[in-house]
Amino acid sequence: MKESKRTILFLVLGSFFIANALIAEFIGVKIFSLEATFGFNQANINVFKYNLSFNLTAGVILWPIVFVMTDIINEYFGHKAVKLYSYIAASLITYSFLAVYLAMNTVGSDFWNIKKLENNSLDMNLAYNNIFGQGLWIIIGSLVAFLVGQVLDVKVFQAVRKITGEKKLWLRATISTLVSQLIDSFVVLFIAFYIGKLNTPDQWPLSQVLAISFVNYLYKFIIAWLMIPLLYFIHKLIDKYLGKELAKTMTTEAALS
C-alpha cells in the first residue's frame, strides 16, 4: 500500500509538472500587459534608460505552478526525480514543436482558409502560423533556460535543505526559485534576441536584454513569495495522503539522495 501511494504520487506530480510546462510554452506566444489586466496604470520602470512596464508572456500564468511542482517533487523524491521530469518535459516540448512545424506546412482546405467576419475576413492559415510559429531561437532559448533553471533549482533547494533540515520549506523553496529564475530570465532573452539575432538589425543591445530581464525577474520575485501559501497547502495535502510515517521516510530519503 505504501509503494502504491508513493508511485501514484510520483505519477500525479510528474504529470502535472509536464502538462503545465508544455501548456506554458504554447500559451506563451501571447504578450499581455499585467497592469492593464488588473486595471492599474503602467509601472514605467526606468532600467538602463529603458522605460519599461510589465509586458509579459502569457506563460508566466503557469510557470509559477511549475516552480511549485519542482520544489514539491524535490522535497519528496529528490533532485534525480526533478531532473528526470525536466528532461521528459523538454523532450516532449521539442516533439510538440516539431509536430506544430509539420502542421504549419500542410495546405489548408479552401473552405477553412478564409473565415468571414462581420466587417471583414480572416486568413485562418496566416493566423494559425503566426500564433504557433514561434521563432527557432525563441524555442532554443526557452528550452535551454528551462533546463538550466531546473538544474539550478534542485541544487540550491537541496543545499539550503542541508542547512535548515526538515524545517523552513518556504525558505529553501523561495531561495531556489529566486536563484534559478534569475538565470532563467536572462538566458532566454540572451539566446533569443541577442545570439539569435546576432549581426542583424533586430539584435537587441545587451543593455535592453538586461533591462527586460530585470523587469521579468521582478515579477517572478514577487510571485515566488505569493506562492508560499500554495506550497504549504499542497505539502499538507500530500502529508495527509501519505500519512506522517511514509511522508517523513520519503522526505528523508529525498534529502539523502
C-alpha atoms as a PDB file:
ATOM      1  CA  MET A   1       0.000   0.000   0.000  1.00  0.00           C
ATOM      2  CA  LYS A   2       2.880   2.365   0.810  1.00  0.00           C
ATOM      3  CA  GLU A   3       4.568   1.666  -2.510  1.00  0.00           C
ATOM      4  CA  SER A   4       1.259   2.193  -4.292  1.00  0.00           C
ATOM      5  CA  LYS A   5       0.808   5.621  -2.703  1.00  0.00           C
ATOM      6  CA  ARG A   6       4.394   6.558  -3.475  1.00  0.00           C
ATOM      7  CA  THR A   7       4.008   5.543  -7.130  1.00  0.00           C
ATOM      8  CA  ILE A   8       0.662   7.285  -7.583  1.00  0.00           C
ATOM      9  CA  LEU A   9       2.038  10.496  -6.056  1.00  0.00           C
ATOM     10  CA  PHE A  10       5.129  10.325  -8.287  1.00  0.00           C
ATOM     11  CA  LEU A  11       2.986   9.963 -11.419  1.00  0.00           C
ATOM     12  CA  VAL A  12       0.451  12.645 -10.454  1.00  0.00           C
ATOM     13  CA  LEU A  13       3.079  15.254  -9.542  1.00  0.00           C
ATOM     14  CA  GLY A  14       5.158  14.467 -12.635  1.00  0.00           C
ATOM     15  CA  SER A  15       2.174  14.542 -14.976  1.00  0.00           C
ATOM     16  CA  PHE A  16       1.019  17.890 -13.597  1.00  0.00           C
ATOM     17  CA  PHE A  17       4.573  19.242 -13.858  1.00  0.00           C
ATOM     18  CA  ILE A  18       4.943  18.192 -17.510  1.00  0.00           C
ATOM     19  CA  ALA A  19       1.428  19.344 -18.500  1.00  0.00           C
ATOM     20  CA  ASN A  20       1.969  22.829 -17.050  1.00  0.00           C
ATOM     21  CA  ALA A  21       5.413  23.184 -18.657  1.00  0.00           C
ATOM     22  CA  LEU A  22       4.039  22.116 -22.056  1.00  0.00           C
ATOM     23  CA  ILE A  23       0.959  24.349 -21.922  1.00  0.00           C
ATOM     24  CA  ALA A  24       3.038  27.316 -20.702  1.00  0.00           C
ATOM     25  CA  GLU A  25       5.254  27.043 -23.781  1.00  0.00           C
ATOM     26  CA  PHE A  26       2.296  27.245 -26.167  1.00  0.00           C
ATOM     27  CA  ILE A  27       0.277  29.971 -24.466  1.00  0.00           C
ATOM     28  CA  GLY A  28       3.496  31.967 -24.144  1.00  0.00           C
ATOM     29  CA  VAL A  29       3.150  33.346 -27.684  1.00  0.00           C
ATOM     30  CA  LYS A  30       0.761  35.963 -26.295  1.00  0.00           C
ATOM     31  CA  ILE A  31       2.286  39.073 -24.699  1.00  0.00           C
ATOM     32  CA  PHE A  32      -0.062  40.760 -22.233  1.00  0.00           C
ATOM     33  CA  SER A  33       0.008  43.848 -20.045  1.00  0.00           C
ATOM     34  CA  LEU A  34      -0.094  42.898 -16.368  1.00  0.00           C
ATOM     35  CA  GLU A  35      -1.152  46.399 -15.326  1.00  0.00           C
ATOM     36  CA  ALA A  36      -3.947  46.705 -17.897  1.00  0.00           C
ATOM     37  CA  THR A  37      -5.243  43.242 -16.974  1.00  0.00           C
ATOM     38  CA  PHE A  38      -5.802  44.375 -13.379  1.00  0.00           C
ATOM     39  CA  GLY A  39      -6.798  47.940 -14.273  1.00  0.00           C
ATOM     40  CA  PHE A  40      -3.617  49.599 -12.983  1.00  0.00           C
ATOM     41  CA  ASN A  41      -1.536  52.382 -14.518  1.00  0.00           C
ATOM     42  CA  GLN A  42       1.641  51.403 -16.369  1.00  0.00           C
ATOM     43  CA  ALA A  43       4.570  50.828 -13.998  1.00  0.00           C
ATOM     44  CA  ASN A  44       7.028  52.766 -16.189  1.00  0.00           C
ATOM     45  CA  ILE A  45      10.166  51.375 -14.540  1.00  0.00           C
ATOM     46  CA  ASN A  46      13.349  53.040 -15.780  1.00  0.00           C
ATOM     47  CA  VAL A  47      16.124  50.463 -16.233  1.00  0.00           C
ATOM     48  CA  PHE A  48      19.307  51.273 -18.207  1.00  0.00           C
ATOM     49  CA  LYS A  49      17.459  54.250 -19.789  1.00  0.00           C
ATOM     50  CA  TYR A  50      14.609  51.964 -20.964  1.00  0.00           C
ATOM     51  CA  ASN A  51      11.127  52.901 -19.740  1.00  0.00           C
ATOM     52  CA  LEU A  52       9.511  49.510 -19.145  1.00  0.00           C
ATOM     53  CA  SER A  53       6.245  48.115 -17.832  1.00  0.00           C
ATOM     54  CA  PHE A  54       5.128  44.580 -17.071  1.00  0.00           C
ATOM     55  CA  ASN A  55       4.503  43.311 -20.604  1.00  0.00           C
ATOM     56  CA  LEU A  56       4.835  39.589 -20.037  1.00  0.00           C
ATOM     57  CA  THR A  57       4.461  36.335 -21.920  1.00  0.00           C
ATOM     58  CA  ALA A  58       1.226  34.559 -21.026  1.00  0.00           C
ATOM     59  CA  GLY A  59       3.363  31.587 -19.999  1.00  0.00           C
ATOM     60  CA  VAL A  60       4.031  33.322 -16.669  1.00  0.00           C
ATOM     61  CA  ILE A  61       0.482  32.374 -15.671  1.00  0.00           C
ATOM     62  CA  LEU A  62       1.514  28.707 -15.400  1.00  0.00           C
ATOM     63  CA  TRP A  63       5.288  28.787 -14.802  1.00  0.00           C
ATOM     64  CA  PRO A  64       4.812  29.546 -11.062  1.00  0.00           C
ATOM     65  CA  ILE A  65       2.905  26.246 -10.812  1.00  0.00           C
ATOM     66  CA  VAL A  66       5.882  24.519 -12.446  1.00  0.00           C
ATOM     67  CA  PHE A  67       8.153  26.090  -9.808  1.00  0.00           C
ATOM     68  CA  VAL A  68       5.922  24.799  -7.010  1.00  0.00           C
ATOM     69  CA  MET A  69       5.780  21.305  -8.547  1.00  0.00           C
ATOM     70  CA  THR A  70       9.581  21.354  -8.873  1.00  0.00           C
ATOM     71  CA  ASP A  71      10.006  22.036  -5.156  1.00  0.00           C
ATOM     72  CA  ILE A  72       7.351  19.516  -4.113  1.00  0.00           C
ATOM     73  CA  ILE A  73       8.880  16.743  -6.252  1.00  0.00           C
ATOM     74  CA  ASN A  74      12.314  17.662  -4.904  1.00  0.00           C
ATOM     75  CA  GLU A  75      11.020  17.530  -1.334  1.00  0.00           C
ATOM     76  CA  TYR A  76       9.517  14.040  -1.598  1.00  0.00           C
ATOM     77  CA  PHE A  77      11.542  12.333  -4.332  1.00  0.00           C
ATOM     78  CA  GLY A  78      14.861  14.192  -4.542  1.00  0.00           C
ATOM     79  CA  HIS A  79      16.769  16.008  -7.258  1.00  0.00           C
ATOM     80  CA  LYS A  80      17.045  12.990  -9.581  1.00  0.00           C
ATOM     81  CA  ALA A  81      13.261  12.866  -9.928  1.00  0.00           C
ATOM     82  CA  VAL A  82      13.108  16.566 -10.828  1.00  0.00           C
ATOM     83  CA  LYS A  83      15.851  16.130 -13.423  1.00  0.00           C
ATOM     84  CA  LEU A  84      14.050  13.123 -14.916  1.00  0.00           C
ATOM     85  CA  TYR A  85      10.781  15.025 -15.323  1.00  0.00           C
ATOM     86  CA  SER A  86      12.630  18.117 -16.599  1.00  0.00           C
ATOM     87  CA  TYR A  87      14.306  16.076 -19.346  1.00  0.00           C
ATOM     88  CA  ILE A  88      10.994  14.409 -20.220  1.00  0.00           C
ATOM     89  CA  ALA A  89       9.238  17.803 -20.346  1.00  0.00           C
ATOM     90  CA  ALA A  90      11.973  19.302 -22.555  1.00  0.00           C
ATOM     91  CA  SER A  91      11.809  16.293 -24.890  1.00  0.00           C
ATOM     92  CA  LEU A  92       8.024  16.494 -25.178  1.00  0.00           C
ATOM     93  CA  ILE A  93       8.146  20.255 -25.769  1.00  0.00           C
ATOM     94  CA  THR A  94      10.653  19.672 -28.580  1.00  0.00           C
ATOM     95  CA  TYR A  95       8.465  16.920 -30.018  1.00  0.00           C
ATOM     96  CA  SER A  96       5.413  19.209 -29.828  1.00  0.00           C
ATOM     97  CA  PHE A  97       7.151  21.985 -31.728  1.00  0.00           C
ATOM     98  CA  LEU A  98       8.163  19.501 -34.436  1.00  0.00           C
ATOM     99  CA  ALA A  99       4.533  18.385 -34.700  1.00  0.00           C
ATOM    100  CA  VAL A 100       3.430  22.033 -34.949  1.00  0.00           C
ATOM    101  CA  TYR A 101       6.047  22.688 -37.641  1.00  0.00           C
ATOM    102  CA  LEU A 102       4.654  19.791 -39.701  1.00  0.00           C
ATOM    103  CA  ALA A 103       1.099  21.048 -39.232  1.00  0.00           C
ATOM    104  CA  MET A 104       2.093  24.566 -40.314  1.00  0.00           C
ATOM    105  CA  ASN A 105       3.475  23.212 -43.575  1.00  0.00           C
ATOM    106  CA  THR A 106       0.273  21.477 -44.592  1.00  0.00           C
ATOM    107  CA  VAL A 107      -2.020  23.181 -47.146  1.00  0.00           C
ATOM    108  CA  GLY A 108      -5.260  24.428 -45.624  1.00  0.00           C
ATOM    109  CA  SER A 109      -8.578  23.450 -47.185  1.00  0.00           C
ATOM    110  CA  ASP A 110     -10.272  26.146 -49.271  1.00  0.00           C
ATOM    111  CA  PHE A 111     -13.372  26.336 -47.068  1.00  0.00           C
ATOM    112  CA  TRP A 112     -11.174  26.722 -43.960  1.00  0.00           C
ATOM    113  CA  ASN A 113      -8.562  29.210 -45.206  1.00  0.00           C
ATOM    114  CA  ILE A 114     -10.785  32.292 -45.154  1.00  0.00           C
ATOM    115  CA  LYS A 115     -13.219  32.950 -42.323  1.00  0.00           C
ATOM    116  CA  LYS A 116     -15.890  35.558 -42.977  1.00  0.00           C
ATOM    117  CA  LEU A 117     -16.361  38.055 -40.147  1.00  0.00           C
ATOM    118  CA  GLU A 118     -18.969  40.774 -39.738  1.00  0.00           C
ATOM    119  CA  ASN A 119     -16.998  43.563 -41.435  1.00  0.00           C
ATOM    120  CA  ASN A 120     -14.040  41.755 -42.996  1.00  0.00           C
ATOM    121  CA  SER A 121     -12.428  38.353 -43.432  1.00  0.00           C
ATOM    122  CA  LEU A 122      -9.668  36.490 -41.580  1.00  0.00           C
ATOM    123  CA  ASP A 123      -6.873  34.483 -43.204  1.00  0.00           C
ATOM    124  CA  MET A 124      -7.006  31.424 -40.941  1.00  0.00           C
ATOM    125  CA  ASN A 125      -3.816  29.857 -42.296  1.00  0.00           C
ATOM    126  CA  LEU A 126      -1.844  33.062 -41.685  1.00  0.00           C
ATOM    127  CA  ALA A 127      -3.318  33.419 -38.196  1.00  0.00           C
ATOM    128  CA  TYR A 128      -2.549  29.772 -37.395  1.00  0.00           C
ATOM    129  CA  ASN A 129       1.081  30.086 -38.495  1.00  0.00           C
ATOM    130  CA  ASN A 130       1.576  33.393 -36.673  1.00  0.00           C
ATOM    131  CA  ILE A 131       0.198  32.028 -33.425  1.00  0.00           C
ATOM    132  CA  PHE A 132       2.009  28.699 -33.396  1.00  0.00           C
ATOM    133  CA  GLY A 133       5.099  29.668 -35.389  1.00  0.00           C
ATOM    134  CA  GLN A 134       7.499  30.762 -32.680  1.00  0.00           C
ATOM    135  CA  GLY A 135      10.994  31.613 -33.881  1.00  0.00           C
ATOM    136  CA  LEU A 136      13.618  28.858 -33.705  1.00  0.00           C
ATOM    137  CA  TRP A 137      15.874  30.872 -31.409  1.00  0.00           C
ATOM    138  CA  ILE A 138      12.990  31.643 -29.047  1.00  0.00           C
ATOM    139  CA  ILE A 139      12.308  27.906 -28.787  1.00  0.00           C
ATOM    140  CA  ILE A 140      16.001  27.129 -28.208  1.00  0.00           C
ATOM    141  CA  GLY A 141      16.321  29.928 -25.649  1.00  0.00           C
ATOM    142  CA  SER A 142      13.218  28.795 -23.814  1.00  0.00           C
ATOM    143  CA  LEU A 143      14.339  25.153 -23.630  1.00  0.00           C
ATOM    144  CA  VAL A 144      17.899  25.983 -22.538  1.00  0.00           C
ATOM    145  CA  ALA A 145      16.631  28.434 -19.915  1.00  0.00           C
ATOM    146  CA  PHE A 146      14.141  25.844 -18.637  1.00  0.00           C
ATOM    147  CA  LEU A 147      16.768  23.110 -18.233  1.00  0.00           C
ATOM    148  CA  VAL A 148      19.397  25.411 -16.710  1.00  0.00           C
ATOM    149  CA  GLY A 149      16.802  26.835 -14.332  1.00  0.00           C
ATOM    150  CA  GLN A 150      15.629  23.381 -13.237  1.00  0.00           C
ATOM    151  CA  VAL A 151      19.161  22.079 -12.597  1.00  0.00           C
ATOM    152  CA  LEU A 152      20.000  25.169 -10.554  1.00  0.00           C
ATOM    153  CA  ASP A 153      16.705  24.963  -8.661  1.00  0.00           C
ATOM    154  CA  VAL A 154      17.253  21.391  -7.452  1.00  0.00           C
ATOM    155  CA  LYS A 155      20.866  22.014  -6.455  1.00  0.00           C
ATOM    156  CA  VAL A 156      20.083  25.172  -4.460  1.00  0.00           C
ATOM    157  CA  PHE A 157      16.999  23.550  -2.893  1.00  0.00           C
ATOM    158  CA  GLN A 158      18.984  20.603  -1.535  1.00  0.00           C
ATOM    159  CA  ALA A 159      21.911  22.840  -0.499  1.00  0.00           C
ATOM    160  CA  VAL A 160      19.590  25.003   1.615  1.00  0.00           C
ATOM    161  CA  ARG A 161      17.890  21.871   2.987  1.00  0.00           C
ATOM    162  CA  LYS A 162      21.226  20.644   4.338  1.00  0.00           C
ATOM    163  CA  ILE A 163      21.445  23.852   6.365  1.00  0.00           C
ATOM    164  CA  THR A 164      17.820  24.132   7.525  1.00  0.00           C
ATOM    165  CA  GLY A 165      16.973  20.435   7.885  1.00  0.00           C
ATOM    166  CA  GLU A 166      13.313  19.478   7.533  1.00  0.00           C
ATOM    167  CA  LYS A 167      12.080  22.867   8.730  1.00  0.00           C
ATOM    168  CA  LYS A 168      11.607  26.059   6.711  1.00  0.00           C
ATOM    169  CA  LEU A 169      10.309  24.577   3.478  1.00  0.00           C
ATOM    170  CA  TRP A 170       9.332  28.106   2.431  1.00  0.00           C
ATOM    171  CA  LEU A 171      12.936  29.279   2.712  1.00  0.00           C
ATOM    172  CA  ARG A 172      14.550  26.599   0.550  1.00  0.00           C
ATOM    173  CA  ALA A 173      11.715  26.725  -1.982  1.00  0.00           C
ATOM    174  CA  THR A 174      11.868  30.515  -2.280  1.00  0.00           C
ATOM    175  CA  ILE A 175      15.656  30.792  -2.426  1.00  0.00           C
ATOM    176  CA  SER A 176      15.960  28.013  -5.014  1.00  0.00           C
ATOM    177  CA  THR A 177      13.259  29.611  -7.193  1.00  0.00           C
ATOM    178  CA  LEU A 178      14.747  33.098  -6.947  1.00  0.00           C
ATOM    179  CA  VAL A 179      18.250  31.904  -7.835  1.00  0.00           C
ATOM    180  CA  SER A 180      17.160  29.688 -10.733  1.00  0.00           C
ATOM    181  CA  GLN A 181      14.787  32.277 -12.186  1.00  0.00           C
ATOM    182  CA  LEU A 182      17.434  34.998 -12.020  1.00  0.00           C
ATOM    183  CA  ILE A 183      19.461  32.965 -14.522  1.00  0.00           C
ATOM    184  CA  ASP A 184      16.402  31.775 -16.458  1.00  0.00           C
ATOM    185  CA  SER A 185      15.111  35.324 -17.016  1.00  0.00           C
ATOM    186  CA  PHE A 186      18.391  36.373 -18.613  1.00  0.00           C
ATOM    187  CA  VAL A 187      19.227  33.197 -20.578  1.00  0.00           C
ATOM    188  CA  VAL A 188      16.012  33.015 -22.616  1.00  0.00           C
ATOM    189  CA  LEU A 189      16.242  36.637 -23.816  1.00  0.00           C
ATOM    190  CA  PHE A 190      20.004  36.499 -24.345  1.00  0.00           C
ATOM    191  CA  ILE A 191      19.731  33.461 -26.622  1.00  0.00           C
ATOM    192  CA  ALA A 192      16.527  34.504 -28.421  1.00  0.00           C
ATOM    193  CA  PHE A 193      17.185  38.196 -29.033  1.00  0.00           C
ATOM    194  CA  TYR A 194      20.955  38.660 -28.725  1.00  0.00           C
ATOM    195  CA  ILE A 195      22.654  35.492 -30.005  1.00  0.00           C
ATOM    196  CA  GLY A 196      19.740  34.527 -32.276  1.00  0.00           C
ATOM    197  CA  LYS A 197      19.688  37.985 -33.907  1.00  0.00           C
ATOM    198  CA  LEU A 198      23.467  38.457 -33.978  1.00  0.00           C
ATOM    199  CA  ASN A 199      24.666  40.979 -36.581  1.00  0.00           C
ATOM    200  CA  THR A 200      21.119  41.724 -37.767  1.00  0.00           C
ATOM    201  CA  PRO A 201      19.016  44.913 -37.404  1.00  0.00           C
ATOM    202  CA  ASP A 202      16.731  43.030 -34.982  1.00  0.00           C
ATOM    203  CA  GLN A 203      19.510  42.254 -32.486  1.00  0.00           C
ATOM    204  CA  TRP A 204      18.780  43.706 -29.052  1.00  0.00           C
ATOM    205  CA  PRO A 205      21.561  45.648 -27.321  1.00  0.00           C
ATOM    206  CA  LEU A 206      22.851  43.843 -24.236  1.00  0.00           C
ATOM    207  CA  SER A 207      21.518  46.703 -22.102  1.00  0.00           C
ATOM    208  CA  GLN A 208      17.994  46.029 -23.423  1.00  0.00           C
ATOM    209  CA  VAL A 209      18.331  42.307 -22.689  1.00  0.00           C
ATOM    210  CA  LEU A 210      19.391  43.120 -19.116  1.00  0.00           C
ATOM    211  CA  ALA A 211      16.643  45.718 -18.654  1.00  0.00           C
ATOM    212  CA  ILE A 212      13.798  43.460 -19.792  1.00  0.00           C
ATOM    213  CA  SER A 213      15.300  40.515 -17.882  1.00  0.00           C
ATOM    214  CA  PHE A 214      15.221  42.653 -14.734  1.00  0.00           C
ATOM    215  CA  VAL A 215      11.522  43.510 -15.141  1.00  0.00           C
ATOM    216  CA  ASN A 216      10.660  39.862 -15.841  1.00  0.00           C
ATOM    217  CA  TYR A 217      12.646  38.763 -12.808  1.00  0.00           C
ATOM    218  CA  LEU A 218      10.949  41.377 -10.624  1.00  0.00           C
ATOM    219  CA  TYR A 219       7.602  39.799 -11.489  1.00  0.00           C
ATOM    220  CA  LYS A 220       8.942  36.306 -10.704  1.00  0.00           C
ATOM    221  CA  PHE A 221      10.410  37.569  -7.423  1.00  0.00           C
ATOM    222  CA  ILE A 222       7.006  38.811  -6.281  1.00  0.00           C
ATOM    223  CA  ILE A 223       5.201  35.666  -7.437  1.00  0.00           C
ATOM    224  CA  ALA A 224       7.722  33.408  -5.641  1.00  0.00           C
ATOM    225  CA  TRP A 225       6.679  34.947  -2.322  1.00  0.00           C
ATOM    226  CA  LEU A 226       2.973  34.878  -3.157  1.00  0.00           C
ATOM    227  CA  MET A 227       3.161  31.145  -3.973  1.00  0.00           C
ATOM    228  CA  ILE A 228       4.367  30.155  -0.471  1.00  0.00           C
ATOM    229  CA  PRO A 229       0.815  29.523   0.906  1.00  0.00           C
ATOM    230  CA  LEU A 230       0.056  27.252  -2.084  1.00  0.00           C
ATOM    231  CA  LEU A 231       3.300  25.364  -1.487  1.00  0.00           C
ATOM    232  CA  TYR A 232       2.338  24.633   2.120  1.00  0.00           C
ATOM    233  CA  PHE A 233      -1.239  23.757   1.158  1.00  0.00           C
ATOM    234  CA  ILE A 234      -0.044  21.128  -1.338  1.00  0.00           C
ATOM    235  CA  HIS A 235       2.544  19.869   1.152  1.00  0.00           C
ATOM    236  CA  LYS A 236      -0.180  19.421   3.774  1.00  0.00           C
ATOM    237  CA  LEU A 237      -2.456  17.545   1.352  1.00  0.00           C
ATOM    238  CA  ILE A 238       0.375  15.181   0.391  1.00  0.00           C
ATOM    239  CA  ASP A 239       1.301  14.501   4.028  1.00  0.00           C
ATOM    240  CA  LYS A 240      -2.332  13.687   4.740  1.00  0.00           C
ATOM    241  CA  TYR A 241      -2.485  11.355   1.729  1.00  0.00           C
ATOM    242  CA  LEU A 242       0.761   9.555   2.550  1.00  0.00           C
ATOM    243  CA  GLY A 243       0.475   9.511   6.314  1.00  0.00           C
ATOM    244  CA  LYS A 244       3.085  11.037   8.626  1.00  0.00           C
ATOM    245  CA  GLU A 245       5.317   7.964   8.744  1.00  0.00           C
ATOM    246  CA  LEU A 246       5.601   7.478   4.975  1.00  0.00           C
ATOM    247  CA  ALA A 247       5.870  11.215   4.329  1.00  0.00           C
ATOM    248  CA  LYS A 248       8.783  11.530   6.752  1.00  0.00           C
ATOM    249  CA  THR A 249      10.500   8.479   5.265  1.00  0.00           C
ATOM    250  CA  MET A 250      10.207   9.887   1.739  1.00  0.00           C
ATOM    251  CA  THR A 251      11.467  13.377   2.605  1.00  0.00           C
ATOM    252  CA  THR A 252      14.411  11.884   4.480  1.00  0.00           C
ATOM    253  CA  GLU A 253      15.301   9.596   1.571  1.00  0.00           C
ATOM    254  CA  ALA A 254      14.944  12.523  -0.856  1.00  0.00           C
ATOM    255  CA  ALA A 255      17.380  14.600   1.175  1.00  0.00           C
ATOM    256  CA  LEU A 256      19.916  11.764   1.399  1.00  0.00           C
ATOM    257  CA  SER A 257      19.719  11.030  -2.336  1.00  0.00           C
END
